[in-house]
Amino acid sequence: MKINLEHLSVRPATKIEESRYRELMQQHHYLGDLAKIGPTLWYVATYVEAWAV
């Protein structure tokens, strides 16, 4: 499968996306869902506007 990197982007997660972000982190990241301490920036990778999981 060939991926066109022009369609790949990384951007900060919005407040509305926070619950989905945390759920995916719990499922896929080896550290799980880490607590948010102080000002925190979470980033989302998207491919053709869909989250890349």
PDB file of N, CA and C in Angstrom:
ATOM      1  N   MET A   1       0.843  -1.181   0.000  1.00  0.00           N
ATOM      2  CA  MET A   1       0.000   0.000   0.000  1.00  0.00           C
ATOM      3  C   MET A   1       0.889   1.246   0.000  1.00  0.00           C
ATOM      4  N   LYS A   2       0.670   2.111  -0.954  1.00  0.00           N
ATOM      5  CA  LYS A   2       1.444   3.350  -1.065  1.00  0.00           C
ATOM      6  C   LYS A   2       0.655   4.480  -0.404  1.00  0.00           C
ATOM      7  N   ILE A   3       1.332   5.232   0.476  1.00  0.00           N
ATOM      8  CA  ILE A   3       0.689   6.338   1.184  1.00  0.00           C
ATOM      9  C   ILE A   3       1.234   7.661   0.652  1.00  0.00           C
ATOM     10  N   ASN A   4       0.339   8.558   0.304  1.00  0.00           N
ATOM     11  CA  ASN A   4       0.712   9.883  -0.154  1.00  0.00           C
ATOM     12  C   ASN A   4       0.874  10.778   1.078  1.00  0.00           C
ATOM     13  N   LEU A   5       2.101  11.141   1.408  1.00  0.00           N
ATOM     14  CA  LEU A   5       2.365  11.907   2.618  1.00  0.00           C
ATOM     15  C   LEU A   5       1.811  13.329   2.574  1.00  0.00           C
ATOM     16  N   GLU A   6       1.396  13.785   1.406  1.00  0.00           N
ATOM     17  CA  GLU A   6       0.783  15.111   1.322  1.00  0.00           C
ATOM     18  C   GLU A   6      -0.538  15.154   2.091  1.00  0.00           C
ATOM     19  N   HIS A   7      -1.146  14.001   2.311  1.00  0.00           N
ATOM     20  CA  HIS A   7      -2.428  13.931   3.007  1.00  0.00           C
ATOM     21  C   HIS A   7      -2.264  13.679   4.513  1.00  0.00           C
ATOM     22  N   LEU A   8      -1.036  13.570   4.972  1.00  0.00           N
ATOM     23  CA  LEU A   8      -0.751  13.327   6.385  1.00  0.00           C
ATOM     24  C   LEU A   8      -0.491  14.654   7.089  1.00  0.00           C
ATOM     25  N   SER A   9      -1.119  14.848   8.252  1.00  0.00           N
ATOM     26  CA  SER A   9      -0.857  16.069   9.022  1.00  0.00           C
ATOM     27  C   SER A   9      -0.901  15.761  10.510  1.00  0.00           C
ATOM     28  N   VAL A  10      -0.261  16.618  11.280  1.00  0.00           N
ATOM     29  CA  VAL A  10      -0.257  16.524  12.741  1.00  0.00           C
ATOM     30  C   VAL A  10      -0.732  17.866  13.263  1.00  0.00           C
ATOM     31  N   ARG A  11      -1.678  17.816  14.196  1.00  0.00           N
ATOM     32  CA  ARG A  11      -2.246  19.053  14.736  1.00  0.00           C
ATOM     33  C   ARG A  11      -2.616  18.842  16.195  1.00  0.00           C
ATOM     34  N   PRO A  12      -2.755  19.920  16.956  1.00  0.00           N
ATOM     35  CA  PRO A  12      -3.198  19.768  18.347  1.00  0.00           C
ATOM     36  C   PRO A  12      -4.629  19.235  18.404  1.00  0.00           C
ATOM     37  N   ALA A  13      -4.890  18.384  19.380  1.00  0.00           N
ATOM     38  CA  ALA A  13      -6.251  17.885  19.600  1.00  0.00           C
ATOM     39  C   ALA A  13      -7.090  19.010  20.196  1.00  0.00           C
ATOM     40  N   THR A  14      -8.338  19.090  19.797  1.00  0.00           N
ATOM     41  CA  THR A  14      -9.242  20.106  20.338  1.00  0.00           C
ATOM     42  C   THR A  14      -9.855  19.612  21.649  1.00  0.00           C
ATOM     43  N   LYS A  15     -10.430  20.517  22.405  1.00  0.00           N
ATOM     44  CA  LYS A  15     -11.091  20.163  23.666  1.00  0.00           C
ATOM     45  C   LYS A  15     -12.199  19.135  23.426  1.00  0.00           C
ATOM     46  N   ILE A  16     -12.911  19.265  22.318  1.00  0.00           N
ATOM     47  CA  ILE A  16     -13.999  18.344  21.989  1.00  0.00           C
ATOM     48  C   ILE A  16     -13.466  16.931  21.726  1.00  0.00           C
ATOM     49  N   GLU A  17     -12.240  16.818  21.218  1.00  0.00           N
ATOM     50  CA  GLU A  17     -11.652  15.524  20.884  1.00  0.00           C
ATOM     51  C   GLU A  17     -10.950  14.841  22.060  1.00  0.00           C
ATOM     52  N   GLU A  18     -10.883  15.506  23.198  1.00  0.00           N
ATOM     53  CA  GLU A  18     -10.111  15.012  24.331  1.00  0.00           C
ATOM     54  C   GLU A  18     -10.531  13.618  24.794  1.00  0.00           C
ATOM     55  N   SER A  19     -11.818  13.336  24.885  1.00  0.00           N
ATOM     56  CA  SER A  19     -12.253  12.019  25.375  1.00  0.00           C
ATOM     57  C   SER A  19     -11.850  10.915  24.396  1.00  0.00           C
ATOM     58  N   ARG A  20     -11.979  11.163  23.105  1.00  0.00           N
ATOM     59  CA  ARG A  20     -11.559  10.168  22.109  1.00  0.00           C
ATOM     60  C   ARG A  20     -10.054   9.949  22.179  1.00  0.00           C
ATOM     61  N   TYR A  21      -9.301  11.035  22.314  1.00  0.00           N
ATOM     62  CA  TYR A  21      -7.848  10.945  22.424  1.00  0.00           C
ATOM     63  C   TYR A  21      -7.457  10.063  23.605  1.00  0.00           C
ATOM     64  N   ARG A  22      -8.069  10.320  24.760  1.00  0.00           N
ATOM     65  CA  ARG A  22      -7.727   9.561  25.970  1.00  0.00           C
ATOM     66  C   ARG A  22      -8.096   8.088  25.831  1.00  0.00           C
ATOM     67  N   GLU A  23      -9.217   7.818  25.202  1.00  0.00           N
ATOM     68  CA  GLU A  23      -9.645   6.429  24.981  1.00  0.00           C
ATOM     69  C   GLU A  23      -8.645   5.689  24.088  1.00  0.00           C
ATOM     70  N   LEU A  24      -8.210   6.340  23.014  1.00  0.00           N
ATOM     71  CA  LEU A  24      -7.245   5.716  22.116  1.00  0.00           C
ATOM     72  C   LEU A  24      -5.882   5.537  22.779  1.00  0.00           C
ATOM     73  N   MET A  25      -5.479   6.485  23.602  1.00  0.00           N
ATOM     74  CA  MET A  25      -4.221   6.341  24.329  1.00  0.00           C
ATOM     75  C   MET A  25      -4.285   5.132  25.264  1.00  0.00           C
ATOM     76  N   GLN A  26      -5.403   4.958  25.945  1.00  0.00           N
ATOM     77  CA  GLN A  26      -5.571   3.816  26.853  1.00  0.00           C
ATOM     78  C   GLN A  26      -5.471   2.498  26.078  1.00  0.00           C
ATOM     79  N   GLN A  27      -6.031   2.458  24.901  1.00  0.00           N
ATOM     80  CA  GLN A  27      -6.047   1.233  24.097  1.00  0.00           C
ATOM     81  C   GLN A  27      -4.715   0.926  23.420  1.00  0.00           C
ATOM     82  N   HIS A  28      -4.004   1.959  22.945  1.00  0.00           N
ATOM     83  CA  HIS A  28      -2.875   1.726  22.053  1.00  0.00           C
ATOM     84  C   HIS A  28      -1.495   2.131  22.578  1.00  0.00           C
ATOM     85  N   HIS A  29      -1.403   2.980  23.581  1.00  0.00           N
ATOM     86  CA  HIS A  29      -0.094   3.441  24.051  1.00  0.00           C
ATOM     87  C   HIS A  29       0.386   2.554  25.200  1.00  0.00           C
ATOM     88  N   TYR A  30       1.664   2.231  25.203  1.00  0.00           N
ATOM     89  CA  TYR A  30       2.187   1.327  26.221  1.00  0.00           C
ATOM     90  C   TYR A  30       2.089   1.890  27.647  1.00  0.00           C
ATOM     91  N   LEU A  31       2.000   3.201  27.805  1.00  0.00           N
ATOM     92  CA  LEU A  31       1.815   3.804  29.127  1.00  0.00           C
ATOM     93  C   LEU A  31       0.346   4.029  29.469  1.00  0.00           C
ATOM     94  N   GLY A  32      -0.535   3.804  28.512  1.00  0.00           N
ATOM     95  CA  GLY A  32      -1.960   4.006  28.749  1.00  0.00           C
ATOM     96  C   GLY A  32      -2.340   5.476  28.724  1.00  0.00           C
ATOM     97  N   ASP A  33      -3.422   5.774  29.403  1.00  0.00           N
ATOM     98  CA  ASP A  33      -3.941   7.143  29.469  1.00  0.00           C
ATOM     99  C   ASP A  33      -3.283   7.853  30.640  1.00  0.00           C
ATOM    100  N   LEU A  34      -2.369   8.751  30.354  1.00  0.00           N
ATOM    101  CA  LEU A  34      -1.663   9.472  31.408  1.00  0.00           C
ATOM    102  C   LEU A  34      -2.483  10.657  31.889  1.00  0.00           C
ATOM    103  N   ALA A  35      -2.335  10.972  33.153  1.00  0.00           N
ATOM    104  CA  ALA A  35      -3.047  12.105  33.740  1.00  0.00           C
ATOM    105  C   ALA A  35      -2.569  13.412  33.113  1.00  0.00           C
ATOM    106  N   LYS A  36      -3.488  14.335  32.962  1.00  0.00           N
ATOM    107  CA  LYS A  36      -3.175  15.667  32.436  1.00  0.00           C
ATOM    108  C   LYS A  36      -2.765  16.532  33.626  1.00  0.00           C
ATOM    109  N   ILE A  37      -1.518  16.985  33.618  1.00  0.00           N
ATOM    110  CA  ILE A  37      -0.996  17.788  34.729  1.00  0.00           C
ATOM    111  C   ILE A  37      -0.601  19.151  34.188  1.00  0.00           C
ATOM    112  N   GLY A  38      -1.288  20.181  34.650  1.00  0.00           N
ATOM    113  CA  GLY A  38      -0.992  21.528  34.185  1.00  0.00           C
ATOM    114  C   GLY A  38      -1.328  21.710  32.715  1.00  0.00           C
ATOM    115  N   PRO A  39      -0.802  22.755  32.088  1.00  0.00           N
ATOM    116  CA  PRO A  39      -1.045  22.981  30.667  1.00  0.00           C
ATOM    117  C   PRO A  39      -0.433  21.839  29.844  1.00  0.00           C
ATOM    118  N   THR A  40      -1.242  21.183  29.054  1.00  0.00           N
ATOM    119  CA  THR A  40      -0.803  20.021  28.290  1.00  0.00           C
ATOM    120  C   THR A  40      -1.268  20.141  26.847  1.00  0.00           C
ATOM    121  N   LEU A  41      -0.394  19.823  25.915  1.00  0.00           N
ATOM    122  CA  LEU A  41      -0.761  19.776  24.493  1.00  0.00           C
ATOM    123  C   LEU A  41      -0.766  18.328  24.042  1.00  0.00           C
ATOM    124  N   TRP A  42      -1.873  17.905  23.460  1.00  0.00           N
ATOM    125  CA  TRP A  42      -1.979  16.581  22.872  1.00  0.00           C
ATOM    126  C   TRP A  42      -2.103  16.769  21.372  1.00  0.00           C
ATOM    127  N   TYR A  43      -1.455  15.901  20.619  1.00  0.00           N
ATOM    128  CA  TYR A  43      -1.449  16.006  19.170  1.00  0.00           C
ATOM    129  C   TYR A  43      -2.142  14.815  18.527  1.00  0.00           C
ATOM    130  N   VAL A  44      -2.766  15.073  17.389  1.00  0.00           N
ATOM    131  CA  VAL A  44      -3.484  14.066  16.617  1.00  0.00           C
ATOM    132  C   VAL A  44      -2.870  14.015  15.226  1.00  0.00           C
ATOM    133  N   ALA A  45      -2.559  12.798  14.764  1.00  0.00           N
ATOM    134  CA  ALA A  45      -2.115  12.609  13.386  1.00  0.00           C
ATOM    135  C   ALA A  45      -3.341  12.237  12.557  1.00  0.00           C
ATOM    136  N   THR A  46      -3.518  12.922  11.435  1.00  0.00           N
ATOM    137  CA  THR A  46      -4.648  12.619  10.552  1.00  0.00           C
ATOM    138  C   THR A  46      -4.136  12.288   9.158  1.00  0.00           C
ATOM    139  N   TYR A  47      -4.866  11.413   8.497  1.00  0.00           N
ATOM    140  CA  TYR A  47      -4.583  11.074   7.113  1.00  0.00           C
ATOM    141  C   TYR A  47      -5.877  11.234   6.345  1.00  0.00           C
ATOM    142  N   VAL A  48      -5.897  12.152   5.401  1.00  0.00           N
ATOM    143  CA  VAL A  48      -7.098  12.510   4.639  1.00  0.00           C
ATOM    144  C   VAL A  48      -8.237  12.810   5.628  1.00  0.00           C
ATOM    145  N   GLU A  49      -7.935  13.655   6.611  1.00  0.00           N
ATOM    146  CA  GLU A  49      -8.895  14.150   7.593  1.00  0.00           C
ATOM    147  C   GLU A  49      -9.382  13.117   8.610  1.00  0.00           C
ATOM    148  N   ALA A  50      -8.955  11.862   8.516  1.00  0.00           N
ATOM    149  CA  ALA A  50      -9.342  10.838   9.492  1.00  0.00           C
ATOM    150  C   ALA A  50      -8.176  10.590  10.441  1.00  0.00           C
ATOM    151  N   TRP A  51      -8.479  10.311  11.691  1.00  0.00           N
ATOM    152  CA  TRP A  51      -7.422  10.032  12.659  1.00  0.00           C
ATOM    153  C   TRP A  51      -6.649   8.806  12.220  1.00  0.00           C
ATOM    154  N   ALA A  52      -5.336   8.882  12.271  1.00  0.00           N
ATOM    155  CA  ALA A  52      -4.478   7.743  11.941  1.00  0.00           C
ATOM    156  C   ALA A  52      -4.246   6.961  13.224  1.00  0.00           C
ATOM    157  N   VAL A  53      -4.816   5.769  13.295  1.00  0.00           N
ATOM    158  CA  VAL A  53      -4.685   4.933  14.508  1.00  0.00           C
ATOM    159  C   VAL A  53      -3.809   3.752  14.210  1.00  0.00           C
TER     160      VAL A  53
END
